Amino acid sequence: MAITAFPIQKAQQLGPVLRALRKQQGLTQDQLAEQLGITRQAVSALERKPEAATFERLMRVWAILNVEVSLNPRNDSTSNPSEEAW
């Protein structure tokens, strides 16, 4: 299987990516919910509005979906955080 990168720049982009990754793994919302110990409705809400989820929950979802998360600096100069932020 080819590795595909999904650059996420806005929170709204995460939901469709999560849904696509779940389907790529052949999982239904019910199956993912069972593995997470939550309801199908909670998985649906997670896919609709992932920005409301805790980072811990997102990490669990990514682990189940066999996804590695990588944070990369942007290449454009307008979005670089100042050194003081670090």
PDB file of N, CA and C in Angstrom:
ATOM      1  N   MET A   1       0.842  -1.172   0.000  1.00  0.00           N
ATOM      2  CA  MET A   1       0.000   0.000   0.000  1.00  0.00           C
ATOM      3  C   MET A   1       0.889   1.237   0.000  1.00  0.00           C
ATOM      4  N   ALA A   2       0.563   2.206  -0.831  1.00  0.00           N
ATOM      5  CA  ALA A   2       1.332   3.439  -0.907  1.00  0.00           C
ATOM      6  C   ALA A   2       1.069   4.307   0.314  1.00  0.00           C
ATOM      7  N   ILE A   3       2.105   4.982   0.748  1.00  0.00           N
ATOM      8  CA  ILE A   3       1.974   5.897   1.879  1.00  0.00           C
ATOM      9  C   ILE A   3       1.547   7.244   1.335  1.00  0.00           C
ATOM     10  N   THR A   4       0.501   7.794   1.905  1.00  0.00           N
ATOM     11  CA  THR A   4      -0.013   9.078   1.485  1.00  0.00           C
ATOM     12  C   THR A   4       0.083  10.053   2.636  1.00  0.00           C
ATOM     13  N   ALA A   5       0.596  11.235   2.368  1.00  0.00           N
ATOM     14  CA  ALA A   5       0.654  12.283   3.383  1.00  0.00           C
ATOM     15  C   ALA A   5      -0.613  13.123   3.282  1.00  0.00           C
ATOM     16  N   PHE A   6      -1.139  13.517   4.416  1.00  0.00           N
ATOM     17  CA  PHE A   6      -2.326  14.357   4.470  1.00  0.00           C
ATOM     18  C   PHE A   6      -1.986  15.627   5.245  1.00  0.00           C
ATOM     19  N   PRO A   7      -1.467  16.650   4.573  1.00  0.00           N
ATOM     20  CA  PRO A   7      -1.159  17.881   5.302  1.00  0.00           C
ATOM     21  C   PRO A   7      -2.448  18.532   5.805  1.00  0.00           C
ATOM     22  N   ILE A   8      -2.496  18.772   7.088  1.00  0.00           N
ATOM     23  CA  ILE A   8      -3.659  19.395   7.717  1.00  0.00           C
ATOM     24  C   ILE A   8      -3.250  20.794   8.147  1.00  0.00           C
ATOM     25  N   GLN A   9      -3.916  21.803   7.614  1.00  0.00           N
ATOM     26  CA  GLN A   9      -3.599  23.177   7.974  1.00  0.00           C
ATOM     27  C   GLN A   9      -4.729  23.849   8.735  1.00  0.00           C
ATOM     28  N   LYS A  10      -5.915  23.277   8.695  1.00  0.00           N
ATOM     29  CA  LYS A  10      -7.073  23.816   9.404  1.00  0.00           C
ATOM     30  C   LYS A  10      -7.803  22.667  10.080  1.00  0.00           C
ATOM     31  N   ALA A  11      -8.381  22.939  11.235  1.00  0.00           N
ATOM     32  CA  ALA A  11      -9.085  21.903  11.993  1.00  0.00           C
ATOM     33  C   ALA A  11     -10.197  21.254  11.170  1.00  0.00           C
ATOM     34  N   GLN A  12     -10.838  22.028  10.316  1.00  0.00           N
ATOM     35  CA  GLN A  12     -11.948  21.504   9.517  1.00  0.00           C
ATOM     36  C   GLN A  12     -11.494  20.425   8.537  1.00  0.00           C
ATOM     37  N   GLN A  13     -10.225  20.374   8.219  1.00  0.00           N
ATOM     38  CA  GLN A  13      -9.714  19.372   7.277  1.00  0.00           C
ATOM     39  C   GLN A  13      -9.545  18.006   7.927  1.00  0.00           C
ATOM     40  N   LEU A  14      -9.464  17.970   9.242  1.00  0.00           N
ATOM     41  CA  LEU A  14      -9.163  16.722   9.939  1.00  0.00           C
ATOM     42  C   LEU A  14     -10.302  15.707   9.860  1.00  0.00           C
ATOM     43  N   GLY A  15     -11.542  16.148   9.969  1.00  0.00           N
ATOM     44  CA  GLY A  15     -12.684  15.230   9.952  1.00  0.00           C
ATOM     45  C   GLY A  15     -12.745  14.355   8.712  1.00  0.00           C
ATOM     46  N   PRO A  16     -12.720  14.960   7.515  1.00  0.00           N
ATOM     47  CA  PRO A  16     -12.751  14.142   6.301  1.00  0.00           C
ATOM     48  C   PRO A  16     -11.556  13.193   6.187  1.00  0.00           C
ATOM     49  N   VAL A  17     -10.401  13.621   6.683  1.00  0.00           N
ATOM     50  CA  VAL A  17      -9.221  12.756   6.640  1.00  0.00           C
ATOM     51  C   VAL A  17      -9.410  11.572   7.583  1.00  0.00           C
ATOM     52  N   LEU A  18      -9.927  11.831   8.787  1.00  0.00           N
ATOM     53  CA  LEU A  18     -10.187  10.737   9.730  1.00  0.00           C
ATOM     54  C   LEU A  18     -11.169   9.732   9.137  1.00  0.00           C
ATOM     55  N   ARG A  19     -12.228  10.236   8.519  1.00  0.00           N
ATOM     56  CA  ARG A  19     -13.234   9.364   7.906  1.00  0.00           C
ATOM     57  C   ARG A  19     -12.596   8.516   6.803  1.00  0.00           C
ATOM     58  N   ALA A  20     -11.797   9.155   5.952  1.00  0.00           N
ATOM     59  CA  ALA A  20     -11.146   8.430   4.854  1.00  0.00           C
ATOM     60  C   ALA A  20     -10.182   7.373   5.382  1.00  0.00           C
ATOM     61  N   LEU A  21      -9.425   7.703   6.428  1.00  0.00           N
ATOM     62  CA  LEU A  21      -8.490   6.735   7.003  1.00  0.00           C
ATOM     63  C   LEU A  21      -9.230   5.557   7.627  1.00  0.00           C
ATOM     64  N   ARG A  22     -10.346   5.845   8.305  1.00  0.00           N
ATOM     65  CA  ARG A  22     -11.149   4.766   8.901  1.00  0.00           C
ATOM     66  C   ARG A  22     -11.650   3.825   7.811  1.00  0.00           C
ATOM     67  N   LYS A  23     -12.179   4.400   6.741  1.00  0.00           N
ATOM     68  CA  LYS A  23     -12.698   3.581   5.649  1.00  0.00           C
ATOM     69  C   LYS A  23     -11.578   2.821   4.948  1.00  0.00           C
ATOM     70  N   GLN A  24     -10.418   3.440   4.822  1.00  0.00           N
ATOM     71  CA  GLN A  24      -9.270   2.780   4.202  1.00  0.00           C
ATOM     72  C   GLN A  24      -8.866   1.543   5.001  1.00  0.00           C
ATOM     73  N   GLN A  25      -9.041   1.595   6.316  1.00  0.00           N
ATOM     74  CA  GLN A  25      -8.736   0.447   7.175  1.00  0.00           C
ATOM     75  C   GLN A  25      -9.877  -0.570   7.177  1.00  0.00           C
ATOM     76  N   GLY A  26     -10.980  -0.254   6.485  1.00  0.00           N
ATOM     77  CA  GLY A  26     -12.111  -1.170   6.416  1.00  0.00           C
ATOM     78  C   GLY A  26     -12.940  -1.202   7.685  1.00  0.00           C
ATOM     79  N   LEU A  27     -12.906  -0.119   8.453  1.00  0.00           N
ATOM     80  CA  LEU A  27     -13.651  -0.066   9.714  1.00  0.00           C
ATOM     81  C   LEU A  27     -14.924   0.751   9.562  1.00  0.00           C
ATOM     82  N   THR A  28     -15.985   0.278  10.185  1.00  0.00           N
ATOM     83  CA  THR A  28     -17.205   1.068  10.285  1.00  0.00           C
ATOM     84  C   THR A  28     -17.080   1.971  11.512  1.00  0.00           C
ATOM     85  N   GLN A  29     -17.985   2.926  11.625  1.00  0.00           N
ATOM     86  CA  GLN A  29     -18.004   3.763  12.827  1.00  0.00           C
ATOM     87  C   GLN A  29     -18.253   2.904  14.059  1.00  0.00           C
ATOM     88  N   ASP A  30     -19.102   1.900  13.942  1.00  0.00           N
ATOM     89  CA  ASP A  30     -19.378   1.005  15.072  1.00  0.00           C
ATOM     90  C   ASP A  30     -18.121   0.261  15.510  1.00  0.00           C
ATOM     91  N   GLN A  31     -17.357  -0.236  14.549  1.00  0.00           N
ATOM     92  CA  GLN A  31     -16.138  -0.985  14.881  1.00  0.00           C
ATOM     93  C   GLN A  31     -15.089  -0.088  15.532  1.00  0.00           C
ATOM     94  N   LEU A  32     -14.925   1.119  15.010  1.00  0.00           N
ATOM     95  CA  LEU A  32     -13.971   2.050  15.609  1.00  0.00           C
ATOM     96  C   LEU A  32     -14.430   2.440  17.008  1.00  0.00           C
ATOM     97  N   ALA A  33     -15.720   2.670  17.161  1.00  0.00           N
ATOM     98  CA  ALA A  33     -16.265   3.023  18.472  1.00  0.00           C
ATOM     99  C   ALA A  33     -15.991   1.925  19.490  1.00  0.00           C
ATOM    100  N   GLU A  34     -16.181   0.683  19.083  1.00  0.00           N
ATOM    101  CA  GLU A  34     -15.939  -0.445  19.987  1.00  0.00           C
ATOM    102  C   GLU A  34     -14.478  -0.479  20.433  1.00  0.00           C
ATOM    103  N   GLN A  35     -13.569  -0.263  19.506  1.00  0.00           N
ATOM    104  CA  GLN A  35     -12.144  -0.272  19.855  1.00  0.00           C
ATOM    105  C   GLN A  35     -11.763   0.898  20.759  1.00  0.00           C
ATOM    106  N   LEU A  36     -12.469   2.020  20.609  1.00  0.00           N
ATOM    107  CA  LEU A  36     -12.187   3.196  21.431  1.00  0.00           C
ATOM    108  C   LEU A  36     -12.928   3.161  22.769  1.00  0.00           C
ATOM    109  N   GLY A  37     -13.950   2.305  22.859  1.00  0.00           N
ATOM    110  CA  GLY A  37     -14.759   2.261  24.071  1.00  0.00           C
ATOM    111  C   GLY A  37     -15.727   3.430  24.167  1.00  0.00           C
ATOM    112  N   ILE A  38     -16.202   3.889  23.004  1.00  0.00           N
ATOM    113  CA  ILE A  38     -17.163   4.990  22.955  1.00  0.00           C
ATOM    114  C   ILE A  38     -18.327   4.571  22.059  1.00  0.00           C
ATOM    115  N   THR A  39     -19.317   5.434  21.915  1.00  0.00           N
ATOM    116  CA  THR A  39     -20.475   5.121  21.080  1.00  0.00           C
ATOM    117  C   THR A  39     -20.201   5.470  19.619  1.00  0.00           C
ATOM    118  N   ARG A  40     -21.015   4.903  18.743  1.00  0.00           N
ATOM    119  CA  ARG A  40     -20.927   5.246  17.323  1.00  0.00           C
ATOM    120  C   ARG A  40     -21.214   6.727  17.127  1.00  0.00           C
ATOM    121  N   GLN A  41     -22.145   7.254  17.926  1.00  0.00           N
ATOM    122  CA  GLN A  41     -22.479   8.671  17.827  1.00  0.00           C
ATOM    123  C   GLN A  41     -21.269   9.544  18.158  1.00  0.00           C
ATOM    124  N   ALA A  42     -20.459   9.099  19.113  1.00  0.00           N
ATOM    125  CA  ALA A  42     -19.251   9.855  19.472  1.00  0.00           C
ATOM    126  C   ALA A  42     -18.234   9.823  18.332  1.00  0.00           C
ATOM    127  N   VAL A  43     -18.135   8.697  17.640  1.00  0.00           N
ATOM    128  CA  VAL A  43     -17.238   8.614  16.477  1.00  0.00           C
ATOM    129  C   VAL A  43     -17.749   9.531  15.375  1.00  0.00           C
ATOM    130  N   SER A  44     -19.049   9.528  15.153  1.00  0.00           N
ATOM    131  CA  SER A  44     -19.637  10.409  14.153  1.00  0.00           C
ATOM    132  C   SER A  44     -19.343  11.870  14.486  1.00  0.00           C
ATOM    133  N   ALA A  45     -19.504  12.235  15.749  1.00  0.00           N
ATOM    134  CA  ALA A  45     -19.215  13.608  16.183  1.00  0.00           C
ATOM    135  C   ALA A  45     -17.736  13.931  15.997  1.00  0.00           C
ATOM    136  N   LEU A  46     -16.889  12.956  16.263  1.00  0.00           N
ATOM    137  CA  LEU A  46     -15.443  13.137  16.097  1.00  0.00           C
ATOM    138  C   LEU A  46     -15.101  13.416  14.635  1.00  0.00           C
ATOM    139  N   GLU A  47     -15.758  12.728  13.729  1.00  0.00           N
ATOM    140  CA  GLU A  47     -15.503  12.939  12.305  1.00  0.00           C
ATOM    141  C   GLU A  47     -16.109  14.246  11.805  1.00  0.00           C
ATOM    142  N   ARG A  48     -17.199  14.679  12.424  1.00  0.00           N
ATOM    143  CA  ARG A  48     -17.832  15.938  12.026  1.00  0.00           C
ATOM    144  C   ARG A  48     -17.120  17.152  12.607  1.00  0.00           C
ATOM    145  N   LYS A  49     -16.653  17.033  13.851  1.00  0.00           N
ATOM    146  CA  LYS A  49     -16.053  18.179  14.546  1.00  0.00           C
ATOM    147  C   LYS A  49     -14.861  17.708  15.382  1.00  0.00           C
ATOM    148  N   PRO A  50     -13.774  17.305  14.728  1.00  0.00           N
ATOM    149  CA  PRO A  50     -12.628  16.755  15.456  1.00  0.00           C
ATOM    150  C   PRO A  50     -11.952  17.763  16.377  1.00  0.00           C
ATOM    151  N   GLU A  51     -12.126  19.049  16.104  1.00  0.00           N
ATOM    152  CA  GLU A  51     -11.496  20.053  16.957  1.00  0.00           C
ATOM    153  C   GLU A  51     -12.063  20.046  18.373  1.00  0.00           C
ATOM    154  N   ALA A  52     -13.214  19.417  18.574  1.00  0.00           N
ATOM    155  CA  ALA A  52     -13.803  19.318  19.910  1.00  0.00           C
ATOM    156  C   ALA A  52     -13.235  18.134  20.701  1.00  0.00           C
ATOM    157  N   ALA A  53     -12.510  17.257  20.038  1.00  0.00           N
ATOM    158  CA  ALA A  53     -11.946  16.070  20.700  1.00  0.00           C
ATOM    159  C   ALA A  53     -10.680  16.437  21.462  1.00  0.00           C
ATOM    160  N   THR A  54     -10.393  15.649  22.477  1.00  0.00           N
ATOM    161  CA  THR A  54      -9.133  15.845  23.189  1.00  0.00           C
ATOM    162  C   THR A  54      -7.997  15.311  22.329  1.00  0.00           C
ATOM    163  N   PHE A  55      -6.815  15.834  22.566  1.00  0.00           N
ATOM    164  CA  PHE A  55      -5.649  15.350  21.827  1.00  0.00           C
ATOM    165  C   PHE A  55      -5.409  13.881  22.144  1.00  0.00           C
ATOM    166  N   GLU A  56      -5.653  13.496  23.388  1.00  0.00           N
ATOM    167  CA  GLU A  56      -5.486  12.091  23.791  1.00  0.00           C
ATOM    168  C   GLU A  56      -6.403  11.179  22.978  1.00  0.00           C
ATOM    169  N   ARG A  57      -7.653  11.592  22.805  1.00  0.00           N
ATOM    170  CA  ARG A  57      -8.583  10.775  22.019  1.00  0.00           C
ATOM    171  C   ARG A  57      -8.119  10.682  20.574  1.00  0.00           C
ATOM    172  N   LEU A  58      -7.683  11.802  20.005  1.00  0.00           N
ATOM    173  CA  LEU A  58      -7.183  11.774  18.631  1.00  0.00           C
ATOM    174  C   LEU A  58      -5.979  10.850  18.509  1.00  0.00           C
ATOM    175  N   MET A  59      -5.101  10.862  19.496  1.00  0.00           N
ATOM    176  CA  MET A  59      -3.940   9.971  19.474  1.00  0.00           C
ATOM    177  C   MET A  59      -4.383   8.508  19.490  1.00  0.00           C
ATOM    178  N   ARG A  60      -5.414   8.194  20.260  1.00  0.00           N
ATOM    179  CA  ARG A  60      -5.933   6.818  20.302  1.00  0.00           C
ATOM    180  C   ARG A  60      -6.514   6.421  18.945  1.00  0.00           C
ATOM    181  N   VAL A  61      -7.258   7.346  18.331  1.00  0.00           N
ATOM    182  CA  VAL A  61      -7.837   7.074  17.010  1.00  0.00           C
ATOM    183  C   VAL A  61      -6.723   6.812  16.006  1.00  0.00           C
ATOM    184  N   TRP A  62      -5.713   7.674  15.992  1.00  0.00           N
ATOM    185  CA  TRP A  62      -4.612   7.505  15.047  1.00  0.00           C
ATOM    186  C   TRP A  62      -3.893   6.179  15.270  1.00  0.00           C
ATOM    187  N   ALA A  63      -3.740   5.780  16.519  1.00  0.00           N
ATOM    188  CA  ALA A  63      -3.078   4.503  16.808  1.00  0.00           C
ATOM    189  C   ALA A  63      -3.892   3.341  16.241  1.00  0.00           C
ATOM    190  N   ILE A  64      -5.204   3.375  16.443  1.00  0.00           N
ATOM    191  CA  ILE A  64      -6.071   2.313  15.922  1.00  0.00           C
ATOM    192  C   ILE A  64      -6.026   2.283  14.394  1.00  0.00           C
ATOM    193  N   LEU A  65      -5.969   3.465  13.787  1.00  0.00           N
ATOM    194  CA  LEU A  65      -5.943   3.553  12.328  1.00  0.00           C
ATOM    195  C   LEU A  65      -4.539   3.360  11.756  1.00  0.00           C
ATOM    196  N   ASN A  66      -3.583   3.076  12.640  1.00  0.00           N
ATOM    197  CA  ASN A  66      -2.197   2.844  12.230  1.00  0.00           C
ATOM    198  C   ASN A  66      -1.623   4.049  11.484  1.00  0.00           C
ATOM    199  N   VAL A  67      -1.853   5.227  12.072  1.00  0.00           N
ATOM    200  CA  VAL A  67      -1.408   6.483  11.478  1.00  0.00           C
ATOM    201  C   VAL A  67      -0.348   7.115  12.371  1.00  0.00           C
ATOM    202  N   GLU A  68       0.715   7.560  11.748  1.00  0.00           N
ATOM    203  CA  GLU A  68       1.749   8.307  12.460  1.00  0.00           C
ATOM    204  C   GLU A  68       1.524   9.788  12.203  1.00  0.00           C
ATOM    205  N   VAL A  69       1.545  10.578  13.257  1.00  0.00           N
ATOM    206  CA  VAL A  69       1.351  12.020  13.135  1.00  0.00           C
ATOM    207  C   VAL A  69       2.715  12.693  13.179  1.00  0.00           C
ATOM    208  N   SER A  70       2.921  13.605  12.267  1.00  0.00           N
ATOM    209  CA  SER A  70       4.194  14.317  12.178  1.00  0.00           C
ATOM    210  C   SER A  70       3.919  15.811  12.085  1.00  0.00           C
ATOM    211  N   LEU A  71       4.594  16.586  12.907  1.00  0.00           N
ATOM    212  CA  LEU A  71       4.468  18.039  12.854  1.00  0.00           C
ATOM    213  C   LEU A  71       5.671  18.584  12.103  1.00  0.00           C
ATOM    214  N   ASN A  72       5.396  19.344  11.066  1.00  0.00           N
ATOM    215  CA  ASN A  72       6.465  19.872  10.227  1.00  0.00           C
ATOM    216  C   ASN A  72       6.341  21.384  10.113  1.00  0.00           C
ATOM    217  N   PRO A  73       7.462  22.095  10.146  1.00  0.00           N
ATOM    218  CA  PRO A  73       7.392  23.542   9.963  1.00  0.00           C
ATOM    219  C   PRO A  73       6.966  23.867   8.537  1.00  0.00           C
ATOM    220  N   ARG A  74       6.224  24.954   8.416  1.00  0.00           N
ATOM    221  CA  ARG A  74       5.834  25.409   7.085  1.00  0.00           C
ATOM    222  C   ARG A  74       7.030  26.048   6.408  1.00  0.00           C
ATOM    223  N   ASN A  75       6.987  26.092   5.104  1.00  0.00           N
ATOM    224  CA  ASN A  75       8.085  26.675   4.346  1.00  0.00           C
ATOM    225  C   ASN A  75       7.914  28.160   4.081  1.00  0.00           C
ATOM    226  N   ASP A  76       6.701  28.693   4.255  1.00  0.00           N
ATOM    227  CA  ASP A  76       6.521  30.115   3.968  1.00  0.00           C
ATOM    228  C   ASP A  76       6.886  30.959   5.191  1.00  0.00           C
ATOM    229  N   SER A  77       7.388  32.143   4.952  1.00  0.00           N
ATOM    230  CA  SER A  77       7.888  32.991   6.034  1.00  0.00           C
ATOM    231  C   SER A  77       6.778  33.687   6.804  1.00  0.00           C
ATOM    232  N   THR A  78       5.554  33.736   6.288  1.00  0.00           N
ATOM    233  CA  THR A  78       4.483  34.459   6.966  1.00  0.00           C
ATOM    234  C   THR A  78       3.895  33.695   8.133  1.00  0.00           C
ATOM    235  N   SER A  79       4.126  32.403   8.217  1.00  0.00           N
ATOM    236  CA  SER A  79       3.490  31.619   9.267  1.00  0.00           C
ATOM    237  C   SER A  79       4.467  31.081  10.300  1.00  0.00           C
ATOM    238  N   ASN A  80       5.730  31.480  10.243  1.00  0.00           N
ATOM    239  CA  ASN A  80       6.706  30.968  11.197  1.00  0.00           C
ATOM    240  C   ASN A  80       6.487  31.585  12.569  1.00  0.00           C
ATOM    241  N   PRO A  81       6.366  30.756  13.601  1.00  0.00           N
ATOM    242  CA  PRO A  81       6.215  31.310  14.943  1.00  0.00           C
ATOM    243  C   PRO A  81       7.519  31.959  15.376  1.00  0.00           C
ATOM    244  N   SER A  82       7.394  32.929  16.248  1.00  0.00           N
ATOM    245  CA  SER A  82       8.605  33.579  16.746  1.00  0.00           C
ATOM    246  C   SER A  82       9.341  32.631  17.676  1.00  0.00           C
ATOM    247  N   GLU A  83      10.623  32.862  17.840  1.00  0.00           N
ATOM    248  CA  GLU A  83      11.412  32.021  18.736  1.00  0.00           C
ATOM    249  C   GLU A  83      10.923  32.152  20.167  1.00  0.00           C
ATOM    250  N   GLU A  84      10.320  33.285  20.494  1.00  0.00           N
ATOM    251  CA  GLU A  84       9.833  33.502  21.856  1.00  0.00           C
ATOM    252  C   GLU A  84       8.706  32.538  22.210  1.00  0.00           C
ATOM    253  N   ALA A  85       7.976  32.063  21.210  1.00  0.00           N
ATOM    254  CA  ALA A  85       6.875  31.135  21.468  1.00  0.00           C
ATOM    255  C   ALA A  85       7.386  29.783  21.924  1.00  0.00           C
ATOM    256  N   TRP A  86       8.616  29.459  21.625  1.00  0.00           N
ATOM    257  CA  TRP A  86       9.184  28.174  21.982  1.00  0.00           C
ATOM    258  C   TRP A  86       9.897  28.294  23.278  1.00  0.00           C
TER     259      TRP A  86
END
